[in-house]
Amino acid sequence: MKNKLISLLISGLMLMQLSISQSKTGTTIGQFLLIEPSARLSAMGNAGVATFDEALSAYYNPASLGHIPNSSVQFSHNAWYADITHDFFSASLHVTDVSSLALSISTLNSGEIAVRTVEQPTGTGEQYTVSDYSIGIGYGQKITDRFSAGIQISYVQETIWHSAMSVFSINFGTLYKISDDGLLLGASISNFGARGKYNGRDLRIRYDFDATRNGDNSSLPAEFITDEFSLPIVFRVGFAYPINFDENNELYFVADAFHPSDNSESVSFGGEYKFMDTFALRAGYQHLFQTDSELGLTLGGGIEWDIANYIIHIDYSSNEHKRLGNTQRMTVGMEF
């Protein structure tokens, strides 16, 4: 049974690779929602749809909340390219033996940027910022001893100077334990929601209705009407498989296939070597087969230790972005 499921998954990945469709790159809003928060999973190629080892796993698949054994909190800082910063906070509360609630807060900030115009290309003296955030509440529960399902509802807002867009989104997923030795199969859909558009005083202008006429009002108050765009919906399916050599040595393999609404299909994969349940080394590759991908190798490591019945995690990852340079993530967390 296990071999058949693995063969079916591999066949599905190959079919996704060979499928040909029109590219929709750059046609969605809320791109910051695609920045994966976990330093641990980003070091393994950002393949996390079948994992449940941390509160941040709910970002990849809300169904993981049904398998998480403890309550936990995590904070992740991401030094994105172009001096952009991305921060993510996640907390999961173990409600019952088979369910958990989760709260997540994600923020992105560009820092101050000089306002430039055609007339003043060196700057007007003003500064503006781009700031995005989302707040989500999730719940996951085991339906059986092997199968769990979960959902997360989020409020998303993007702000550019004095104009903003806000919308609600839903993430949902399932997680299934295939075998007793730990093989997991997961699937999730992220950022499913309404279309959004920008509004704000930056869109207000003065307009001359007829520039050929004299004597009329050449400075009428007007406003640009922006189009509505969808959020970047992502369908993930993948597996996770641990291999325990002995009580001190463990390997952990993960792989995800992606079908996004605004890009081509791709596959991410990676692995982790863990020694004495304390030290970990990780590597992976993200978005293989994606058209014109700027992503590639991922590397990282982590350490965890038990202090007075609290488990502390510190993880780091470096992700290749080719011409844009590498990005660095740091995640600190605690289980209790």
Protein backbone atom coordinates (compact mmCIF):
# COMPACT_ATOMS: atom_id res chain seq x y z
CA MET A 1 0.00 0.00 0.00
CA LYS A 2 2.80 2.41 0.96
CA ASN A 3 4.70 1.74 -2.29
CA LYS A 4 1.57 2.36 -4.34
CA LEU A 5 0.95 5.71 -2.66
CA ILE A 6 4.57 6.79 -3.18
CA SER A 7 4.37 5.77 -6.86
CA LEU A 8 1.13 7.71 -7.25
CA LEU A 9 2.66 10.82 -5.70
CA ILE A 10 5.77 10.62 -7.93
CA SER A 11 3.55 10.17 -11.01
CA GLY A 12 1.56 13.23 -10.01
CA LEU A 13 4.72 15.32 -9.67
CA MET A 14 5.87 14.25 -13.14
CA LEU A 15 2.51 15.12 -14.68
CA MET A 16 2.62 18.56 -13.05
CA GLN A 17 6.10 19.10 -14.46
CA LEU A 18 5.00 18.21 -17.99
CA SER A 19 1.81 20.25 -17.96
CA ILE A 20 1.86 23.40 -20.07
CA SER A 21 -0.22 26.43 -19.16
CA GLN A 22 -0.24 30.16 -19.70
CA SER A 23 1.92 32.02 -17.19
CA LYS A 24 0.08 34.32 -14.79
CA THR A 25 3.16 35.66 -13.05
CA GLY A 26 2.60 39.06 -11.47
CA THR A 27 -1.21 38.96 -11.63
CA THR A 28 -2.02 38.68 -7.91
CA ILE A 29 -1.85 40.89 -4.84
CA GLY A 30 -0.59 39.94 -1.38
CA GLN A 31 2.73 38.50 -2.54
CA PHE A 32 4.13 38.73 0.99
CA LEU A 33 1.81 35.82 1.89
CA LEU A 34 4.12 33.56 -0.14
CA ILE A 35 7.17 34.24 2.06
CA GLU A 36 7.62 31.06 4.08
CA PRO A 37 8.32 31.87 7.74
CA SER A 38 9.99 28.79 9.23
CA ALA A 39 13.80 28.79 9.28
CA ARG A 40 13.73 25.02 9.81
CA LEU A 41 11.50 24.25 6.84
CA SER A 42 12.99 26.93 4.59
CA ALA A 43 16.37 25.21 5.07
CA MET A 44 14.73 22.04 3.70
CA GLY A 45 13.52 23.68 0.50
CA ASN A 46 10.37 25.17 2.08
CA ALA A 47 8.67 21.78 1.81
CA GLY A 48 6.40 21.63 4.85
CA VAL A 49 2.89 20.55 3.90
CA ALA A 50 3.31 17.15 5.61
CA THR A 51 5.06 18.32 8.81
CA PHE A 52 3.68 19.10 12.27
CA ASP A 53 6.76 19.63 14.45
CA GLU A 54 6.26 23.34 15.25
CA ALA A 55 3.62 26.06 15.48
CA LEU A 56 4.82 27.54 12.18
CA SER A 57 3.82 24.34 10.39
CA ALA A 58 0.24 25.67 10.43
CA TYR A 59 1.35 28.18 7.76
CA TYR A 60 2.01 25.30 5.37
CA ASN A 61 -0.96 23.16 6.42
CA PRO A 62 -3.53 24.01 9.14
CA ALA A 63 -4.21 20.28 9.56
CA SER A 64 -0.86 20.01 11.33
CA LEU A 65 -2.56 21.55 14.37
CA GLY A 66 -4.33 18.24 14.92
CA HIS A 67 -1.00 16.43 15.31
CA ILE A 68 1.07 18.97 17.29
CA PRO A 69 1.70 17.30 20.68
CA ASN A 70 2.40 20.45 22.75
CA SER A 71 1.54 24.11 23.01
CA SER A 72 4.24 26.35 21.52
CA VAL A 73 5.20 29.87 20.47
CA GLN A 74 7.62 30.91 17.73
CA PHE A 75 9.02 34.11 16.29
CA SER A 76 10.76 34.25 12.92
CA HIS A 77 12.76 37.15 11.45
CA ASN A 78 13.56 37.18 7.75
CA ALA A 79 16.13 39.56 6.26
CA TRP A 80 14.54 39.76 2.79
CA TYR A 81 16.32 41.29 -0.17
CA ALA A 82 16.43 45.07 -0.88
CA ASP A 83 16.54 45.76 2.88
CA ILE A 84 12.95 44.54 3.28
CA THR A 85 12.15 42.82 6.58
CA HIS A 86 9.58 40.09 7.15
CA ASP A 87 8.55 38.97 10.64
CA PHE A 88 6.21 36.17 11.64
CA PHE A 89 4.77 35.26 15.04
CA SER A 90 2.88 32.03 15.65
CA ALA A 91 1.39 30.50 18.77
CA SER A 92 -0.45 27.19 19.07
CA LEU A 93 -2.52 26.16 22.09
CA HIS A 94 -3.06 22.46 22.72
CA VAL A 95 -6.82 22.41 23.45
CA THR A 96 -7.33 18.64 23.66
CA ASP A 97 -5.25 15.56 22.91
CA VAL A 98 -6.44 15.73 19.29
CA SER A 99 -6.83 19.46 18.55
CA SER A 100 -5.09 22.82 18.75
CA LEU A 101 -5.87 26.48 18.18
CA ALA A 102 -3.36 28.82 16.56
CA LEU A 103 -2.75 32.55 16.20
CA SER A 104 -0.41 33.95 13.54
CA ILE A 105 0.74 37.47 12.76
CA SER A 106 2.81 38.26 9.67
CA THR A 107 4.33 41.66 8.82
CA LEU A 108 6.45 43.01 5.99
CA ASN A 109 8.06 46.45 5.88
CA SER A 110 10.09 48.13 3.15
CA GLY A 111 11.59 50.86 5.30
CA GLU A 112 11.54 54.47 4.12
CA ILE A 113 11.81 55.08 0.35
CA ALA A 114 12.38 58.45 -1.28
CA VAL A 115 9.46 59.86 -3.29
CA ARG A 116 10.64 60.58 -6.84
CA THR A 117 8.71 62.15 -9.73
CA VAL A 118 9.43 62.92 -13.38
CA GLU A 119 9.94 66.56 -12.48
CA GLN A 120 12.08 65.72 -9.41
CA PRO A 121 13.92 62.46 -10.20
CA THR A 122 16.38 62.94 -7.32
CA GLY A 123 13.56 63.12 -4.78
CA THR A 124 10.92 65.50 -3.50
CA GLY A 125 12.14 65.37 0.09
CA GLU A 126 9.22 63.15 1.11
CA GLN A 127 9.49 59.51 2.21
CA TYR A 128 6.99 56.67 1.84
CA THR A 129 6.80 53.07 3.02
CA VAL A 130 5.23 49.81 1.90
CA SER A 131 3.86 47.80 4.82
CA ASP A 132 1.80 44.61 4.76
CA TYR A 133 0.37 42.46 7.52
CA SER A 134 -1.96 39.54 8.10
CA ILE A 135 -3.60 38.19 11.26
CA GLY A 136 -4.92 34.63 11.24
CA ILE A 137 -6.74 32.27 13.57
CA GLY A 138 -6.56 28.55 12.88
CA TYR A 139 -7.93 25.29 14.23
CA GLY A 140 -6.92 21.72 13.49
CA GLN A 141 -8.22 18.40 14.78
CA LYS A 142 -7.59 14.71 14.36
CA ILE A 143 -10.59 13.00 12.81
CA THR A 144 -9.09 9.56 13.33
CA ASP A 145 -5.81 8.41 14.86
CA ARG A 146 -4.19 8.86 11.42
CA PHE A 147 -6.14 11.64 9.69
CA SER A 148 -6.50 15.33 10.60
CA ALA A 149 -8.04 18.41 9.00
CA GLY A 150 -7.61 22.11 9.70
CA ILE A 151 -8.66 25.61 8.67
CA GLN A 152 -7.31 29.12 9.14
CA ILE A 153 -9.06 32.45 8.50
CA SER A 154 -6.90 35.54 8.01
CA TYR A 155 -7.34 39.27 7.59
CA VAL A 156 -4.84 40.64 5.07
CA GLN A 157 -3.89 44.27 4.45
CA GLU A 158 -1.39 45.89 2.10
CA THR A 159 -0.48 49.57 2.41
CA ILE A 160 1.50 51.73 -0.05
CA TRP A 161 1.99 55.22 1.38
CA HIS A 162 -1.58 56.53 1.90
CA SER A 163 -3.43 53.82 -0.05
CA ALA A 164 -4.40 50.38 1.18
CA MET A 165 -6.11 47.13 0.22
CA SER A 166 -7.69 44.67 2.66
CA VAL A 167 -9.29 41.26 2.19
CA PHE A 168 -10.07 38.03 4.06
CA SER A 169 -8.52 34.70 3.11
CA ILE A 170 -8.94 31.05 4.08
CA ASN A 171 -6.38 28.26 4.31
CA PHE A 172 -7.42 24.64 4.74
CA GLY A 173 -5.72 21.29 4.53
CA THR A 174 -5.51 17.63 5.46
CA LEU A 175 -2.76 15.44 6.88
CA TYR A 176 -2.69 11.64 6.79
CA LYS A 177 -0.30 9.25 8.51
CA ILE A 178 0.14 6.46 5.99
CA SER A 179 2.26 4.02 7.97
CA ASP A 180 3.32 3.27 11.52
CA ASP A 181 6.93 4.14 10.72
CA GLY A 182 5.96 7.80 10.24
CA LEU A 183 5.27 8.33 6.52
CA LEU A 184 2.94 11.34 6.23
CA LEU A 185 0.99 12.68 3.25
CA GLY A 186 -0.32 16.25 3.34
CA ALA A 187 -2.31 18.59 1.10
CA SER A 188 -3.40 22.19 1.55
CA ILE A 189 -4.87 25.21 -0.24
CA SER A 190 -3.63 28.63 0.89
CA ASN A 191 -4.90 32.19 0.36
CA PHE A 192 -8.33 31.32 -1.00
CA GLY A 193 -10.50 34.41 -0.68
CA ALA A 194 -12.19 37.44 -2.16
CA ARG A 195 -10.62 39.81 -4.67
CA GLY A 196 -9.24 43.09 -3.38
CA LYS A 197 -8.40 46.54 -4.74
CA TYR A 198 -6.58 49.63 -3.52
CA ASN A 199 -8.27 52.72 -2.14
CA GLY A 200 -6.87 55.88 -0.55
CA ARG A 201 -6.03 59.52 -0.96
CA ASP A 202 -3.02 58.80 -3.19
CA LEU A 203 -5.53 57.93 -5.90
CA ARG A 204 -7.22 61.35 -5.75
CA ILE A 205 -6.24 63.78 -8.50
CA ARG A 206 -7.15 67.10 -10.11
CA TYR A 207 -8.52 66.61 -13.61
CA ASP A 208 -9.14 68.85 -16.62
CA PHE A 209 -12.23 67.38 -18.28
CA ASP A 210 -11.55 69.16 -21.60
CA ALA A 211 -8.08 70.62 -22.05
CA THR A 212 -9.11 72.29 -25.35
CA ARG A 213 -11.67 74.58 -23.69
CA ASN A 214 -10.91 77.84 -21.91
CA GLY A 215 -12.90 79.30 -19.05
CA ASP A 216 -14.12 75.99 -17.58
CA ASN A 217 -12.94 74.42 -14.34
CA SER A 218 -9.58 72.86 -15.23
CA SER A 219 -9.04 71.41 -11.76
CA LEU A 220 -11.95 69.09 -11.09
CA PRO A 221 -11.61 66.68 -8.15
CA ALA A 222 -11.35 63.09 -9.43
CA GLU A 223 -10.14 59.69 -8.34
CA PHE A 224 -8.50 56.72 -10.05
CA ILE A 225 -10.51 53.49 -9.81
CA THR A 226 -8.22 50.49 -9.45
CA ASP A 227 -8.94 46.97 -10.68
CA GLU A 228 -9.63 44.06 -8.35
CA PHE A 229 -7.07 41.27 -8.12
CA SER A 230 -6.99 37.88 -6.43
CA LEU A 231 -4.65 36.66 -3.73
CA PRO A 232 -1.95 34.14 -4.77
CA ILE A 233 -3.74 30.83 -4.26
CA VAL A 234 -1.35 27.90 -3.74
CA PHE A 235 -2.18 24.20 -3.77
CA ARG A 236 0.43 22.03 -2.05
CA VAL A 237 0.73 18.26 -1.83
CA GLY A 238 3.67 16.38 -0.40
CA PHE A 239 5.10 13.85 2.02
CA ALA A 240 7.42 13.63 5.01
CA TYR A 241 9.32 10.53 6.06
CA PRO A 242 11.57 10.03 9.12
CA ILE A 243 14.28 7.36 9.32
CA ASN A 244 15.52 6.51 12.82
CA PHE A 245 18.88 4.73 12.74
CA ASP A 246 19.17 4.64 16.53
CA GLU A 247 18.31 6.83 19.49
CA ASN A 248 20.99 9.38 18.54
CA ASN A 249 20.75 9.57 14.73
CA GLU A 250 17.74 10.47 12.63
CA LEU A 251 17.11 11.50 9.02
CA TYR A 252 14.00 13.37 7.92
CA PHE A 253 13.00 13.75 4.25
CA VAL A 254 10.33 16.11 2.86
CA ALA A 255 9.03 16.97 -0.61
CA ASP A 256 6.22 19.25 -1.82
CA ALA A 257 4.64 19.83 -5.21
CA PHE A 258 3.18 23.30 -5.85
CA HIS A 259 0.37 24.42 -8.13
CA PRO A 260 0.08 28.24 -7.75
CA SER A 261 -2.52 30.49 -9.39
CA ASP A 262 0.11 33.03 -10.47
CA ASN A 263 3.10 30.95 -11.54
CA SER A 264 4.13 27.63 -13.03
CA GLU A 265 4.16 24.31 -11.19
CA SER A 266 7.24 23.30 -9.23
CA VAL A 267 8.68 20.80 -6.77
CA SER A 268 10.62 21.51 -3.57
CA PHE A 269 12.46 18.95 -1.46
CA GLY A 270 14.96 18.65 1.35
CA GLY A 271 16.24 16.76 4.33
CA GLU A 272 17.42 17.05 7.92
CA TYR A 273 20.01 15.14 9.88
CA LYS A 274 19.45 15.25 13.65
CA PHE A 275 21.96 14.13 16.27
CA MET A 276 20.98 13.30 19.87
CA ASP A 277 17.69 15.18 19.45
CA THR A 278 19.74 18.35 19.87
CA PHE A 279 21.74 19.35 16.78
CA ALA A 280 20.39 19.48 13.24
CA LEU A 281 21.85 20.09 9.77
CA ARG A 282 19.51 20.78 6.84
CA ALA A 283 19.62 21.23 3.07
CA GLY A 284 17.19 21.36 0.19
CA TYR A 285 16.19 22.84 -3.14
CA GLN A 286 13.13 24.99 -3.74
CA HIS A 287 10.82 25.33 -6.75
CA LEU A 288 12.57 22.99 -9.16
CA PHE A 289 10.99 23.11 -12.67
CA GLN A 290 9.45 26.57 -12.06
CA THR A 291 9.69 28.74 -15.18
CA ASP A 292 12.39 31.44 -14.87
CA SER A 293 12.92 30.59 -11.21
CA GLU A 294 15.31 32.77 -9.19
CA LEU A 295 15.30 30.30 -6.30
CA GLY A 296 17.59 27.39 -5.63
CA LEU A 297 19.72 25.84 -2.89
CA THR A 298 18.70 26.11 0.77
CA LEU A 299 20.93 25.42 3.77
CA GLY A 300 20.63 25.73 7.53
CA GLY A 301 20.83 24.21 10.94
CA GLY A 302 19.35 24.30 14.39
CA ILE A 303 19.69 23.45 18.03
CA GLU A 304 17.18 22.53 20.73
CA TRP A 305 17.43 21.79 24.42
CA ASP A 306 15.18 21.06 27.38
CA ILE A 307 15.18 23.59 30.21
CA ALA A 308 12.86 22.91 33.17
CA ASN A 309 10.37 21.06 30.95
CA TYR A 310 10.46 23.83 28.32
CA ILE A 311 11.89 22.87 24.92
CA ILE A 312 13.79 25.76 23.30
CA HIS A 313 14.44 25.84 19.53
CA ILE A 314 16.79 28.10 17.59
CA ASP A 315 16.95 27.62 13.80
CA TYR A 316 18.75 29.39 10.96
CA SER A 317 18.52 29.14 7.18
CA SER A 318 20.04 30.72 4.09
CA ASN A 319 18.05 30.61 0.83
CA GLU A 320 19.51 31.27 -2.60
CA HIS A 321 17.81 33.96 -4.70
CA LYS A 322 20.43 34.06 -7.46
CA ARG A 323 20.64 37.61 -8.90
CA LEU A 324 18.91 39.09 -5.84
CA GLY A 325 21.28 37.44 -3.37
CA ASN A 326 20.62 35.11 -0.46
CA THR A 327 18.00 35.70 2.23
CA GLN A 328 18.57 34.84 5.89
CA ARG A 329 15.97 33.55 8.38
CA MET A 330 16.20 33.10 12.13
CA THR A 331 13.48 31.39 14.18
CA VAL A 332 13.28 31.15 17.97
CA GLY A 333 10.61 29.03 19.62
CA MET A 334 9.51 27.33 22.82
CA GLU A 335 7.31 24.31 23.52
CA PHE A 336 5.53 23.77 26.82
